[in-house]
Amino acid sequence: MLELRPSCECCDKDLPPAAADAMICTFECTFCRDCVENRLGGICPNCGGNFALRPVRPAGKLVNNPPSRQRVFNPQGCGRT
């Protein structure tokens, strides 16, 4: 089951479970679409893989399968300091 991380690793933008602009790589690194397209060039800075839209977990499934609360913020990995 996907972690559904709550934020973009580059800009720390909130990405709730139903976010239409959440992108993930194969290791579930999570970024917003803006950072993926404009800062990362479609390549994950952590693993070098590509991105796909993160699926939306149906609201009814969130009670028993909640999203992660662990925020990962690493602007250095995104070419920012």
Protein backbone atom coordinates (compact mmCIF):
# COMPACT_ATOMS: atom_id res chain seq x y z
CA MET A 1 0.00 0.00 0.00
CA LEU A 2 1.30 3.46 -0.88
CA GLU A 3 2.32 5.74 1.98
CA LEU A 4 0.58 8.80 0.51
CA ARG A 5 3.17 11.22 1.86
CA PRO A 6 1.65 14.58 2.83
CA SER A 7 3.94 17.06 1.08
CA CYS A 8 6.32 17.88 -1.75
CA GLU A 9 9.94 17.10 -0.91
CA CYS A 10 11.14 20.22 -2.80
CA CYS A 11 8.78 23.03 -1.82
CA ASP A 12 6.91 21.47 1.15
CA LYS A 13 3.54 22.11 -0.53
CA ASP A 14 0.72 20.18 1.11
CA LEU A 15 -0.36 17.18 -0.95
CA PRO A 16 -3.46 15.71 0.69
CA PRO A 17 -4.63 12.22 -0.31
CA ALA A 18 -6.88 13.57 -3.10
CA ALA A 19 -4.26 15.97 -4.55
CA ALA A 20 -4.45 15.91 -8.33
CA ASP A 21 -0.89 17.26 -8.68
CA ALA A 22 0.95 14.71 -6.50
CA MET A 23 3.66 12.78 -8.34
CA ILE A 24 5.64 9.75 -7.12
CA CYS A 25 8.61 7.73 -8.25
CA THR A 26 9.00 3.98 -7.83
CA PHE A 27 10.30 4.51 -4.27
CA GLU A 28 7.31 6.73 -3.39
CA CYS A 29 9.39 9.91 -3.27
CA THR A 30 6.66 12.52 -3.47
CA PHE A 31 6.70 15.85 -5.28
CA CYS A 32 4.17 18.32 -6.67
CA ARG A 33 3.76 18.47 -10.44
CA ASP A 34 5.21 22.00 -10.57
CA CYS A 35 8.50 20.89 -8.99
CA VAL A 36 8.68 17.74 -11.13
CA GLU A 37 8.23 19.73 -14.34
CA ASN A 38 10.06 22.97 -13.53
CA ARG A 39 12.82 22.02 -11.10
CA LEU A 40 13.51 18.33 -11.59
CA GLY A 41 13.01 17.85 -15.32
CA GLY A 42 10.95 14.73 -14.67
CA ILE A 43 13.81 12.88 -12.93
CA CYS A 44 13.71 11.96 -9.23
CA PRO A 45 16.70 13.54 -7.46
CA ASN A 46 16.80 10.65 -4.98
CA CYS A 47 16.81 7.60 -7.24
CA GLY A 48 17.12 8.90 -10.81
CA GLY A 49 13.81 7.35 -11.84
CA ASN A 50 10.83 8.91 -13.54
CA PHE A 51 7.51 10.02 -12.05
CA ALA A 52 3.87 9.03 -12.35
CA LEU A 53 0.73 10.61 -10.99
CA ARG A 54 0.06 9.37 -7.48
CA PRO A 55 -3.23 7.46 -7.35
CA VAL A 56 -6.04 8.88 -5.23
CA ARG A 57 -7.11 6.63 -2.37
CA PRO A 58 -10.93 6.66 -2.07
CA ALA A 59 -12.07 8.70 0.94
CA GLY A 60 -13.87 5.70 2.42
CA LYS A 61 -10.60 3.76 2.57
CA LEU A 62 -8.67 6.48 4.42
CA VAL A 63 -10.17 5.59 7.81
CA ASN A 64 -8.59 2.13 7.92
CA ASN A 65 -5.68 3.03 5.61
CA PRO A 66 -4.64 6.56 6.58
CA PRO A 67 -2.04 8.58 4.71
CA SER A 68 1.41 9.10 6.16
CA ARG A 69 1.95 12.09 8.46
CA GLN A 70 5.73 12.02 7.96
CA ARG A 71 6.80 15.09 5.99
CA VAL A 72 9.99 14.81 3.95
CA PHE A 73 11.51 18.18 3.06
CA ASN A 74 14.85 18.20 1.27
CA PRO A 75 15.22 21.40 -0.76
CA GLN A 76 18.98 20.79 -1.18
CA GLY A 77 18.18 17.73 -3.29
CA CYS A 78 16.10 19.90 -5.60
CA GLY A 79 18.79 22.41 -6.46
CA ARG A 80 17.64 24.84 -3.77
CA THR A 81 19.30 25.81 -0.54
